[in-house]
Structures are given as structure tokens and as C-alpha cells.
Amino acid sequence: MRSLLVKTLTDALLVFWSLVCLFPLYWITVTSLKDDPEIMRGPYYLPFIDFTPSLDAWVSVFTYANDHLLLRFFNSAVVAVTSTLLTVLFGGLAVYGLTRFRYALRWIPGLSNDGILFAILATRILPPVAVVLPIYVMAQYTGAVDTHFALIFTYTAANLPVAVWLLLPVFGNIATPQEEAAQLDGASHFQIFLAIFLPMVAASTAAVGLVIFILCWNEYLFAAYLTSDKVSTLPAWIMGQISIKEAQVGGDGDEWPQLSAAVIFMIAPLLACTAFAQRV
């Protein structure tokens, strides 16, 4: 009887917390289906009961002539996917080298496996706001401001310690029997890494890649500094629209449905990737 009561209370708490976590997503979805009067006279919670839903905001956000949401989506997709692939590749190579080979030079203090690993992970200690200005200056001097290259390079470098950290337990500390057998057959380490080892840890590596993709997709600070218009990503563009909205003196709620639709459009790929990962 007591165990049943504990299970019931646990399930009730989980359901309650799930509703708390999902309500902001529900609210922003409902807001994207409202018109100006519902925004100003609200709050209204239930479509077809409190108000009549409308797709005007969705039509407007995709057909607005002065700005193109699909272009921002394309920029985010190119930068996030490319950065994720490069980060996982370089992070995997780094972890594979640090766990399969020993580095130690007596005349260079700290040049060992543990020292190199600590140096890689220590770079993540710095907050992004401490390095964004130097990165912007370097991008300005090299003419890389407002280019995909600047964001991809920055995202790859910033997330490389995270990839190394997450891939360490996946790759293990010693070579597997399959790797040793391939070495005896004359395969190079690069061939072993790509053709033999990566397929063995493909599922765990894909999970790490999903985490890196989410970090790249949601990143705002570097995108705000390194882009201006041409390659602006969705987070930077949406925050810019909110800033413009807040700067309007006496502005009403006529833009909140459009912003809500844009936010839903931005988080849709993340929800799809998460659902796919759970099914797999």
C-alpha cells in the first residue's frame, strides 16, 4: 500500500512538472495563432473556446518582403550542421589520439596526455563574453565578419572541449580487440578510426553530435557580434526583432504573433531531432 502511494505521488509530481515545462511551448504556440485583439485583450488560453485561431501571423512571417525568415533558417542550418560535423570529427580524432598514444617530453613540462587534455578542457572555463571581442577584432582584420566561415570556425573551436569531454567515456582508454586485429593486418590508424572504430561507437557519437548541434543552433552571443545581416542566424535575428519591438514607444502587440511563429519555426528542428533520437 505504501509503495503504491509513493508511486502515485511520484507520477503526479512528474505529470505536474511536465506540464510546467511544456506550458511555455504551448503558450507560444497559442500566441502564434492569435490576432492583435486577442493579444491586447487577453490572456486567452484555449483555441476555438477563448478565441478563434488564425494563421495570419504564420503567413506574414514567411511573406514579409523586408526580411526573409527562410534565409535565417538556412544560415542557422548551414552553420550548425557544418560546425557539428567538424567538431565531432576533430574532437573524435583528438580523443582517439589521446587515448591510444602516449605523449611525454621531459623538456616540455605539461606535454603529456593528461596535460593536453586539461589544456583542451580548460579553454571552456572562459565565459564566451570574455573572448567574443578579441574574436570579433580578428574577424574584422581578416575580413571574415558577416561570413559563414567566421561562425563555423568560432562554433567549432568553442564546442571542441565539450565534444572531447563527452567522447572520452565513449572511446575508452585502451584499444579494442578489433583495432588491434586491424593493426596486425596492416591498416593505418586513420583507416582504423574511420572504417572500424567509428561504426562501433556510431550511436553514442551521434548523441554527442546532437548535443553539439543544439549548442550551435541556439548560440546567440557570437552570432550577434560576428554577423550583421547577410549570414545572421535565427537566434540573433529574433533577438534583434525583440529589441526593435522594445524600443518602440507606445507600441502595441501587433508583432508578438509573428515573433511567436518565428520562435516555433526555430525550435521545430530541435524538437524533431530529439524525438528522432528517442525513437532510435
C-alpha atoms as a PDB file:
ATOM      1  CA  MET A   1       0.000   0.000   0.000  1.00  0.00           C
ATOM      2  CA  ARG A   2       2.779   2.397   0.880  1.00  0.00           C
ATOM      3  CA  SER A   3       4.681   1.624  -2.306  1.00  0.00           C
ATOM      4  CA  LEU A   4       1.538   2.278  -4.338  1.00  0.00           C
ATOM      5  CA  LEU A   5       1.071   5.639  -2.623  1.00  0.00           C
ATOM      6  CA  VAL A   6       4.689   6.601  -3.268  1.00  0.00           C
ATOM      7  CA  LYS A   7       4.364   5.609  -6.925  1.00  0.00           C
ATOM      8  CA  THR A   8       1.148   7.622  -7.276  1.00  0.00           C
ATOM      9  CA  LEU A   9       2.704  10.717  -5.736  1.00  0.00           C
ATOM     10  CA  THR A  10       5.800  10.336  -7.894  1.00  0.00           C
ATOM     11  CA  ASP A  11       3.715  10.034 -11.056  1.00  0.00           C
ATOM     12  CA  ALA A  12       1.630  13.044 -10.037  1.00  0.00           C
ATOM     13  CA  LEU A  13       4.747  15.149  -9.436  1.00  0.00           C
ATOM     14  CA  LEU A  14       6.214  14.069 -12.790  1.00  0.00           C
ATOM     15  CA  VAL A  15       2.990  14.944 -14.594  1.00  0.00           C
ATOM     16  CA  PHE A  16       2.836  18.316 -12.853  1.00  0.00           C
ATOM     17  CA  TRP A  17       6.461  19.134 -13.684  1.00  0.00           C
ATOM     18  CA  SER A  18       5.945  18.023 -17.308  1.00  0.00           C
ATOM     19  CA  LEU A  19       3.040  20.455 -17.574  1.00  0.00           C
ATOM     20  CA  VAL A  20       5.178  23.229 -16.085  1.00  0.00           C
ATOM     21  CA  CYS A  21       7.929  22.562 -18.634  1.00  0.00           C
ATOM     22  CA  LEU A  22       5.570  22.230 -21.596  1.00  0.00           C
ATOM     23  CA  PHE A  23       3.346  25.221 -20.820  1.00  0.00           C
ATOM     24  CA  PRO A  24       5.757  27.863 -22.271  1.00  0.00           C
ATOM     25  CA  LEU A  25       5.877  25.873 -25.529  1.00  0.00           C
ATOM     26  CA  TYR A  26       2.082  25.612 -25.545  1.00  0.00           C
ATOM     27  CA  TRP A  27       1.678  29.316 -24.763  1.00  0.00           C
ATOM     28  CA  ILE A  28       3.991  30.498 -27.529  1.00  0.00           C
ATOM     29  CA  THR A  29       2.231  28.159 -29.979  1.00  0.00           C
ATOM     30  CA  VAL A  30      -1.171  29.551 -28.980  1.00  0.00           C
ATOM     31  CA  THR A  31       0.171  33.105 -29.235  1.00  0.00           C
ATOM     32  CA  SER A  32       1.250  32.483 -32.815  1.00  0.00           C
ATOM     33  CA  LEU A  33      -2.388  31.648 -33.647  1.00  0.00           C
ATOM     34  CA  LYS A  34      -3.840  34.868 -32.210  1.00  0.00           C
ATOM     35  CA  ASP A  35      -4.696  38.184 -33.835  1.00  0.00           C
ATOM     36  CA  ASP A  36      -3.955  41.643 -32.456  1.00  0.00           C
ATOM     37  CA  PRO A  37      -7.222  41.980 -30.471  1.00  0.00           C
ATOM     38  CA  GLU A  38      -6.642  38.692 -28.649  1.00  0.00           C
ATOM     39  CA  ILE A  39      -3.090  39.757 -27.763  1.00  0.00           C
ATOM     40  CA  MET A  40      -4.229  43.088 -26.332  1.00  0.00           C
ATOM     41  CA  ARG A  41      -7.405  41.899 -24.546  1.00  0.00           C
ATOM     42  CA  GLY A  42      -6.055  38.551 -23.306  1.00  0.00           C
ATOM     43  CA  PRO A  43      -4.918  36.364 -21.866  1.00  0.00           C
ATOM     44  CA  TYR A  44      -6.787  33.709 -23.843  1.00  0.00           C
ATOM     45  CA  TYR A  45      -5.722  30.108 -23.398  1.00  0.00           C
ATOM     46  CA  LEU A  46      -7.934  27.774 -25.426  1.00  0.00           C
ATOM     47  CA  PRO A  47      -8.275  27.992 -29.230  1.00  0.00           C
ATOM     48  CA  PHE A  48     -11.878  27.756 -30.552  1.00  0.00           C
ATOM     49  CA  ILE A  49     -13.116  28.419 -26.993  1.00  0.00           C
ATOM     50  CA  ASP A  50     -11.495  31.663 -25.842  1.00  0.00           C
ATOM     51  CA  PHE A  51     -10.624  32.899 -29.319  1.00  0.00           C
ATOM     52  CA  THR A  52     -10.708  31.939 -32.977  1.00  0.00           C
ATOM     53  CA  PRO A  53      -7.256  30.780 -34.152  1.00  0.00           C
ATOM     54  CA  SER A  54      -5.736  32.412 -37.207  1.00  0.00           C
ATOM     55  CA  LEU A  55      -2.730  31.662 -39.414  1.00  0.00           C
ATOM     56  CA  ASP A  56      -2.194  35.305 -40.360  1.00  0.00           C
ATOM     57  CA  ALA A  57       0.987  35.531 -38.265  1.00  0.00           C
ATOM     58  CA  TRP A  58       2.491  32.494 -39.989  1.00  0.00           C
ATOM     59  CA  VAL A  59       1.638  33.849 -43.422  1.00  0.00           C
ATOM     60  CA  SER A  60       3.084  37.234 -42.512  1.00  0.00           C
ATOM     61  CA  VAL A  61       6.353  35.936 -41.105  1.00  0.00           C
ATOM     62  CA  PHE A  62       7.050  33.894 -44.242  1.00  0.00           C
ATOM     63  CA  THR A  63       5.981  36.538 -46.758  1.00  0.00           C
ATOM     64  CA  TYR A  64       7.425  39.674 -45.140  1.00  0.00           C
ATOM     65  CA  ALA A  65       9.184  41.463 -48.001  1.00  0.00           C
ATOM     66  CA  ASN A  66      11.816  43.361 -45.966  1.00  0.00           C
ATOM     67  CA  ASP A  67      13.254  40.280 -44.287  1.00  0.00           C
ATOM     68  CA  HIS A  68      13.348  36.578 -45.100  1.00  0.00           C
ATOM     69  CA  LEU A  69      12.924  34.070 -42.286  1.00  0.00           C
ATOM     70  CA  LEU A  70      13.910  31.195 -44.558  1.00  0.00           C
ATOM     71  CA  LEU A  71      17.274  32.864 -45.182  1.00  0.00           C
ATOM     72  CA  ARG A  72      17.900  32.995 -41.417  1.00  0.00           C
ATOM     73  CA  PHE A  73      16.871  29.355 -41.163  1.00  0.00           C
ATOM     74  CA  PHE A  74      19.265  28.450 -43.982  1.00  0.00           C
ATOM     75  CA  ASN A  75      22.122  30.298 -42.267  1.00  0.00           C
ATOM     76  CA  SER A  76      21.446  28.537 -38.971  1.00  0.00           C
ATOM     77  CA  ALA A  77      21.254  25.147 -40.691  1.00  0.00           C
ATOM     78  CA  VAL A  78      24.488  25.598 -42.650  1.00  0.00           C
ATOM     79  CA  VAL A  79      26.446  26.895 -39.666  1.00  0.00           C
ATOM     80  CA  ALA A  80      25.064  24.386 -37.142  1.00  0.00           C
ATOM     81  CA  VAL A  81      25.398  21.287 -39.329  1.00  0.00           C
ATOM     82  CA  THR A  82      28.884  22.144 -40.603  1.00  0.00           C
ATOM     83  CA  SER A  83      30.130  23.128 -37.144  1.00  0.00           C
ATOM     84  CA  THR A  84      28.708  19.940 -35.631  1.00  0.00           C
ATOM     85  CA  LEU A  85      30.375  17.698 -38.212  1.00  0.00           C
ATOM     86  CA  LEU A  86      33.745  19.431 -37.824  1.00  0.00           C
ATOM     87  CA  THR A  87      33.533  19.488 -34.031  1.00  0.00           C
ATOM     88  CA  VAL A  88      32.689  15.799 -33.750  1.00  0.00           C
ATOM     89  CA  LEU A  89      35.378  14.880 -36.293  1.00  0.00           C
ATOM     90  CA  PHE A  90      38.161  16.917 -34.685  1.00  0.00           C
ATOM     91  CA  GLY A  91      37.007  16.005 -31.186  1.00  0.00           C
ATOM     92  CA  GLY A  92      36.957  12.320 -32.100  1.00  0.00           C
ATOM     93  CA  LEU A  93      40.428  12.480 -33.603  1.00  0.00           C
ATOM     94  CA  ALA A  94      41.722  14.283 -30.521  1.00  0.00           C
ATOM     95  CA  VAL A  95      40.207  11.782 -28.092  1.00  0.00           C
ATOM     96  CA  TYR A  96      41.364   8.829 -30.191  1.00  0.00           C
ATOM     97  CA  GLY A  97      44.919  10.158 -30.248  1.00  0.00           C
ATOM     98  CA  LEU A  98      44.951  10.973 -26.534  1.00  0.00           C
ATOM     99  CA  THR A  99      43.618   7.542 -25.549  1.00  0.00           C
ATOM    100  CA  ARG A 100      45.597   5.375 -27.995  1.00  0.00           C
ATOM    101  CA  PHE A 101      49.012   7.071 -27.854  1.00  0.00           C
ATOM    102  CA  ARG A 102      51.215   8.337 -25.044  1.00  0.00           C
ATOM    103  CA  TYR A 103      52.760  11.798 -25.218  1.00  0.00           C
ATOM    104  CA  ALA A 104      55.536  12.744 -22.782  1.00  0.00           C
ATOM    105  CA  LEU A 105      58.502  15.078 -23.334  1.00  0.00           C
ATOM    106  CA  ARG A 106      60.639  15.720 -20.293  1.00  0.00           C
ATOM    107  CA  TRP A 107      61.973  19.059 -21.578  1.00  0.00           C
ATOM    108  CA  ILE A 108      58.463  20.458 -22.162  1.00  0.00           C
ATOM    109  CA  PRO A 109      56.546  20.470 -18.854  1.00  0.00           C
ATOM    110  CA  GLY A 110      52.903  19.580 -19.164  1.00  0.00           C
ATOM    111  CA  LEU A 111      53.186  17.978 -22.611  1.00  0.00           C
ATOM    112  CA  SER A 112      51.555  14.689 -21.735  1.00  0.00           C
ATOM    113  CA  ASN A 113      48.174  13.101 -22.316  1.00  0.00           C
ATOM    114  CA  ASP A 114      46.735  14.484 -19.090  1.00  0.00           C
ATOM    115  CA  GLY A 115      48.288  17.906 -19.656  1.00  0.00           C
ATOM    116  CA  ILE A 116      46.980  18.190 -23.211  1.00  0.00           C
ATOM    117  CA  LEU A 117      43.522  17.038 -22.132  1.00  0.00           C
ATOM    118  CA  PHE A 118      43.469  19.549 -19.271  1.00  0.00           C
ATOM    119  CA  ALA A 119      44.524  22.349 -21.629  1.00  0.00           C
ATOM    120  CA  ILE A 120      41.692  21.483 -24.047  1.00  0.00           C
ATOM    121  CA  LEU A 121      39.060  21.332 -21.331  1.00  0.00           C
ATOM    122  CA  ALA A 122      40.376  24.448 -19.571  1.00  0.00           C
ATOM    123  CA  THR A 123      39.575  26.606 -22.604  1.00  0.00           C
ATOM    124  CA  ARG A 124      35.884  26.030 -21.873  1.00  0.00           C
ATOM    125  CA  ILE A 125      36.242  27.665 -18.463  1.00  0.00           C
ATOM    126  CA  LEU A 126      36.378  31.115 -20.047  1.00  0.00           C
ATOM    127  CA  PRO A 127      32.916  32.644 -20.493  1.00  0.00           C
ATOM    128  CA  PRO A 128      32.095  33.445 -24.136  1.00  0.00           C
ATOM    129  CA  VAL A 129      31.686  37.146 -23.325  1.00  0.00           C
ATOM    130  CA  ALA A 130      35.393  37.274 -22.378  1.00  0.00           C
ATOM    131  CA  VAL A 131      36.564  36.126 -25.812  1.00  0.00           C
ATOM    132  CA  VAL A 132      33.899  37.454 -28.168  1.00  0.00           C
ATOM    133  CA  LEU A 133      35.544  40.876 -28.562  1.00  0.00           C
ATOM    134  CA  PRO A 134      39.023  39.518 -29.495  1.00  0.00           C
ATOM    135  CA  ILE A 135      37.370  37.109 -31.927  1.00  0.00           C
ATOM    136  CA  TYR A 136      35.426  39.993 -33.468  1.00  0.00           C
ATOM    137  CA  VAL A 137      38.628  42.047 -33.867  1.00  0.00           C
ATOM    138  CA  MET A 138      40.376  39.117 -35.581  1.00  0.00           C
ATOM    139  CA  ALA A 139      37.395  38.587 -37.869  1.00  0.00           C
ATOM    140  CA  GLN A 140      37.345  42.289 -38.715  1.00  0.00           C
ATOM    141  CA  TYR A 141      41.054  42.360 -39.609  1.00  0.00           C
ATOM    142  CA  THR A 142      40.713  39.273 -41.808  1.00  0.00           C
ATOM    143  CA  GLY A 143      37.507  40.429 -43.482  1.00  0.00           C
ATOM    144  CA  ALA A 144      35.534  37.484 -42.094  1.00  0.00           C
ATOM    145  CA  VAL A 145      32.795  39.497 -40.381  1.00  0.00           C
ATOM    146  CA  ASP A 146      29.306  38.521 -41.579  1.00  0.00           C
ATOM    147  CA  THR A 147      30.502  35.303 -43.231  1.00  0.00           C
ATOM    148  CA  HIS A 148      29.624  31.670 -42.644  1.00  0.00           C
ATOM    149  CA  PHE A 149      33.313  30.891 -42.166  1.00  0.00           C
ATOM    150  CA  ALA A 150      33.604  33.120 -39.091  1.00  0.00           C
ATOM    151  CA  LEU A 151      30.667  31.461 -37.338  1.00  0.00           C
ATOM    152  CA  ILE A 152      31.665  27.919 -38.310  1.00  0.00           C
ATOM    153  CA  PHE A 153      35.261  28.430 -37.177  1.00  0.00           C
ATOM    154  CA  THR A 154      34.159  30.028 -33.890  1.00  0.00           C
ATOM    155  CA  TYR A 155      31.489  27.435 -33.104  1.00  0.00           C
ATOM    156  CA  THR A 156      33.870  24.581 -33.862  1.00  0.00           C
ATOM    157  CA  ALA A 157      36.584  25.995 -31.614  1.00  0.00           C
ATOM    158  CA  ALA A 158      34.155  26.879 -28.810  1.00  0.00           C
ATOM    159  CA  ASN A 159      32.449  23.470 -28.737  1.00  0.00           C
ATOM    160  CA  LEU A 160      35.531  21.316 -29.278  1.00  0.00           C
ATOM    161  CA  PRO A 161      36.192  20.965 -25.491  1.00  0.00           C
ATOM    162  CA  VAL A 162      32.592  19.848 -24.993  1.00  0.00           C
ATOM    163  CA  ALA A 163      32.966  17.199 -27.697  1.00  0.00           C
ATOM    164  CA  VAL A 164      36.236  15.976 -26.185  1.00  0.00           C
ATOM    165  CA  TRP A 165      34.688  15.805 -22.729  1.00  0.00           C
ATOM    166  CA  LEU A 166      31.628  13.864 -23.926  1.00  0.00           C
ATOM    167  CA  LEU A 167      33.557  11.498 -26.213  1.00  0.00           C
ATOM    168  CA  LEU A 168      36.107  10.442 -23.592  1.00  0.00           C
ATOM    169  CA  PRO A 169      33.886   7.809 -21.933  1.00  0.00           C
ATOM    170  CA  VAL A 170      32.599   6.719 -25.349  1.00  0.00           C
ATOM    171  CA  PHE A 171      36.020   5.964 -26.818  1.00  0.00           C
ATOM    172  CA  GLY A 172      37.523   4.356 -23.716  1.00  0.00           C
ATOM    173  CA  ASN A 173      41.153   4.403 -22.620  1.00  0.00           C
ATOM    174  CA  ILE A 174      42.614   1.406 -24.479  1.00  0.00           C
ATOM    175  CA  ALA A 175      42.420  -0.051 -27.951  1.00  0.00           C
ATOM    176  CA  THR A 176      39.682  -2.588 -28.628  1.00  0.00           C
ATOM    177  CA  PRO A 177      40.455  -6.109 -29.934  1.00  0.00           C
ATOM    178  CA  GLN A 178      39.083  -5.087 -33.348  1.00  0.00           C
ATOM    179  CA  GLU A 179      41.580  -2.208 -33.529  1.00  0.00           C
ATOM    180  CA  GLU A 180      44.476  -4.452 -32.557  1.00  0.00           C
ATOM    181  CA  ALA A 181      43.464  -7.020 -35.164  1.00  0.00           C
ATOM    182  CA  ALA A 182      43.290  -4.309 -37.834  1.00  0.00           C
ATOM    183  CA  GLN A 183      46.774  -3.087 -36.861  1.00  0.00           C
ATOM    184  CA  LEU A 184      48.137  -6.606 -37.277  1.00  0.00           C
ATOM    185  CA  ASP A 185      46.591  -6.688 -40.754  1.00  0.00           C
ATOM    186  CA  GLY A 186      48.470  -3.507 -41.671  1.00  0.00           C
ATOM    187  CA  ALA A 187      45.684  -0.918 -41.503  1.00  0.00           C
ATOM    188  CA  SER A 188      46.702   2.644 -40.670  1.00  0.00           C
ATOM    189  CA  HIS A 189      45.397   4.376 -37.570  1.00  0.00           C
ATOM    190  CA  PHE A 190      43.327   6.738 -39.682  1.00  0.00           C
ATOM    191  CA  GLN A 191      41.745   3.808 -41.529  1.00  0.00           C
ATOM    192  CA  ILE A 192      41.038   2.067 -38.234  1.00  0.00           C
ATOM    193  CA  PHE A 193      39.449   5.198 -36.813  1.00  0.00           C
ATOM    194  CA  LEU A 194      37.140   5.849 -39.782  1.00  0.00           C
ATOM    195  CA  ALA A 195      36.311   2.342 -41.018  1.00  0.00           C
ATOM    196  CA  ILE A 196      36.375   0.228 -37.866  1.00  0.00           C
ATOM    197  CA  PHE A 197      36.143   2.256 -34.673  1.00  0.00           C
ATOM    198  CA  LEU A 198      33.611   4.962 -35.600  1.00  0.00           C
ATOM    199  CA  PRO A 199      30.940   2.440 -36.769  1.00  0.00           C
ATOM    200  CA  MET A 200      31.343   0.679 -33.408  1.00  0.00           C
ATOM    201  CA  VAL A 201      30.501   3.841 -31.459  1.00  0.00           C
ATOM    202  CA  ALA A 202      28.176   5.422 -34.048  1.00  0.00           C
ATOM    203  CA  ALA A 203      25.123   5.659 -31.769  1.00  0.00           C
ATOM    204  CA  SER A 204      26.972   7.323 -28.875  1.00  0.00           C
ATOM    205  CA  THR A 205      28.828   9.627 -31.258  1.00  0.00           C
ATOM    206  CA  ALA A 206      25.523  10.640 -32.856  1.00  0.00           C
ATOM    207  CA  ALA A 207      24.176  11.516 -29.388  1.00  0.00           C
ATOM    208  CA  VAL A 208      27.216  13.733 -28.785  1.00  0.00           C
ATOM    209  CA  GLY A 209      26.654  15.294 -32.197  1.00  0.00           C
ATOM    210  CA  LEU A 210      23.057  16.084 -31.253  1.00  0.00           C
ATOM    211  CA  VAL A 211      24.231  17.928 -28.132  1.00  0.00           C
ATOM    212  CA  ILE A 212      26.761  19.920 -30.174  1.00  0.00           C
ATOM    213  CA  PHE A 213      24.118  20.694 -32.807  1.00  0.00           C
ATOM    214  CA  ILE A 214      21.774  22.092 -30.137  1.00  0.00           C
ATOM    215  CA  LEU A 215      24.576  24.269 -28.741  1.00  0.00           C
ATOM    216  CA  CYS A 216      25.383  25.616 -32.209  1.00  0.00           C
ATOM    217  CA  TRP A 217      21.743  26.132 -33.197  1.00  0.00           C
ATOM    218  CA  ASN A 218      20.858  28.068 -30.038  1.00  0.00           C
ATOM    219  CA  GLU A 219      24.029  30.176 -29.831  1.00  0.00           C
ATOM    220  CA  TYR A 220      23.358  33.913 -29.778  1.00  0.00           C
ATOM    221  CA  LEU A 221      26.360  35.918 -28.490  1.00  0.00           C
ATOM    222  CA  PHE A 222      28.896  35.077 -31.223  1.00  0.00           C
ATOM    223  CA  ALA A 223      26.208  35.351 -33.913  1.00  0.00           C
ATOM    224  CA  ALA A 224      25.225  38.812 -32.664  1.00  0.00           C
ATOM    225  CA  TYR A 225      28.826  40.073 -32.829  1.00  0.00           C
ATOM    226  CA  LEU A 226      30.125  38.299 -35.941  1.00  0.00           C
ATOM    227  CA  THR A 227      27.121  38.847 -38.220  1.00  0.00           C
ATOM    228  CA  SER A 228      25.213  41.904 -39.285  1.00  0.00           C
ATOM    229  CA  ASP A 229      22.678  40.954 -41.938  1.00  0.00           C
ATOM    230  CA  LYS A 230      23.786  38.565 -44.662  1.00  0.00           C
ATOM    231  CA  VAL A 231      24.502  35.473 -42.509  1.00  0.00           C
ATOM    232  CA  SER A 232      22.518  36.378 -39.393  1.00  0.00           C
ATOM    233  CA  THR A 233      21.144  33.254 -37.712  1.00  0.00           C
ATOM    234  CA  LEU A 234      17.701  32.734 -36.221  1.00  0.00           C
ATOM    235  CA  PRO A 235      18.569  33.484 -32.556  1.00  0.00           C
ATOM    236  CA  ALA A 236      20.340  36.719 -33.455  1.00  0.00           C
ATOM    237  CA  TRP A 237      17.557  37.766 -35.827  1.00  0.00           C
ATOM    238  CA  ILE A 238      14.770  37.060 -33.318  1.00  0.00           C
ATOM    239  CA  MET A 239      16.569  38.912 -30.523  1.00  0.00           C
ATOM    240  CA  GLY A 240      17.060  41.832 -32.899  1.00  0.00           C
ATOM    241  CA  GLN A 241      13.326  41.879 -33.649  1.00  0.00           C
ATOM    242  CA  ILE A 242      12.508  41.823 -29.925  1.00  0.00           C
ATOM    243  CA  SER A 243      14.944  44.683 -29.305  1.00  0.00           C
ATOM    244  CA  ILE A 244      13.275  46.723 -32.032  1.00  0.00           C
ATOM    245  CA  LYS A 245       9.901  45.934 -30.503  1.00  0.00           C
ATOM    246  CA  GLU A 246      11.007  47.065 -27.040  1.00  0.00           C
ATOM    247  CA  ALA A 247      12.435  50.282 -28.497  1.00  0.00           C
ATOM    248  CA  GLN A 248       9.074  51.271 -29.963  1.00  0.00           C
ATOM    249  CA  VAL A 249       7.448  53.917 -27.781  1.00  0.00           C
ATOM    250  CA  GLY A 250       3.807  53.143 -27.209  1.00  0.00           C
ATOM    251  CA  GLY A 251       3.945  50.066 -29.431  1.00  0.00           C
ATOM    252  CA  ASP A 252       1.104  47.572 -29.230  1.00  0.00           C
ATOM    253  CA  GLY A 253       1.098  43.776 -29.554  1.00  0.00           C
ATOM    254  CA  ASP A 254       0.908  43.573 -33.336  1.00  0.00           C
ATOM    255  CA  GLU A 255       4.262  41.812 -33.711  1.00  0.00           C
ATOM    256  CA  TRP A 256       4.075  39.219 -30.941  1.00  0.00           C
ATOM    257  CA  PRO A 257       2.191  36.613 -33.029  1.00  0.00           C
ATOM    258  CA  GLN A 258       4.815  36.895 -35.778  1.00  0.00           C
ATOM    259  CA  LEU A 259       7.669  36.590 -33.269  1.00  0.00           C
ATOM    260  CA  SER A 260       5.971  33.596 -31.673  1.00  0.00           C
ATOM    261  CA  ALA A 261       5.627  31.914 -35.060  1.00  0.00           C
ATOM    262  CA  ALA A 262       9.299  32.569 -35.777  1.00  0.00           C
ATOM    263  CA  VAL A 263      10.302  31.051 -32.424  1.00  0.00           C
ATOM    264  CA  ILE A 264       8.210  27.941 -33.087  1.00  0.00           C
ATOM    265  CA  PHE A 265       9.843  27.668 -36.503  1.00  0.00           C
ATOM    266  CA  MET A 266      13.282  27.950 -34.856  1.00  0.00           C
ATOM    267  CA  ILE A 267      12.752  25.244 -32.243  1.00  0.00           C
ATOM    268  CA  ALA A 268      10.950  22.803 -34.571  1.00  0.00           C
ATOM    269  CA  PRO A 269      14.199  21.183 -35.863  1.00  0.00           C
ATOM    270  CA  LEU A 270      15.427  20.681 -32.282  1.00  0.00           C
ATOM    271  CA  LEU A 271      12.175  19.004 -31.289  1.00  0.00           C
ATOM    272  CA  ALA A 272      12.333  16.790 -34.386  1.00  0.00           C
ATOM    273  CA  CYS A 273      15.944  15.779 -33.690  1.00  0.00           C
ATOM    274  CA  THR A 274      15.148  14.995 -30.054  1.00  0.00           C
ATOM    275  CA  ALA A 275      12.106  12.912 -30.990  1.00  0.00           C
ATOM    276  CA  PHE A 276      14.138  11.026 -33.587  1.00  0.00           C
ATOM    277  CA  ALA A 277      16.952  10.361 -31.095  1.00  0.00           C
ATOM    278  CA  GLN A 278      14.492   8.958 -28.549  1.00  0.00           C
ATOM    279  CA  ARG A 279      12.918   6.649 -31.112  1.00  0.00           C
ATOM    280  CA  VAL A 280      16.347   5.367 -32.139  1.00  0.00           C
END
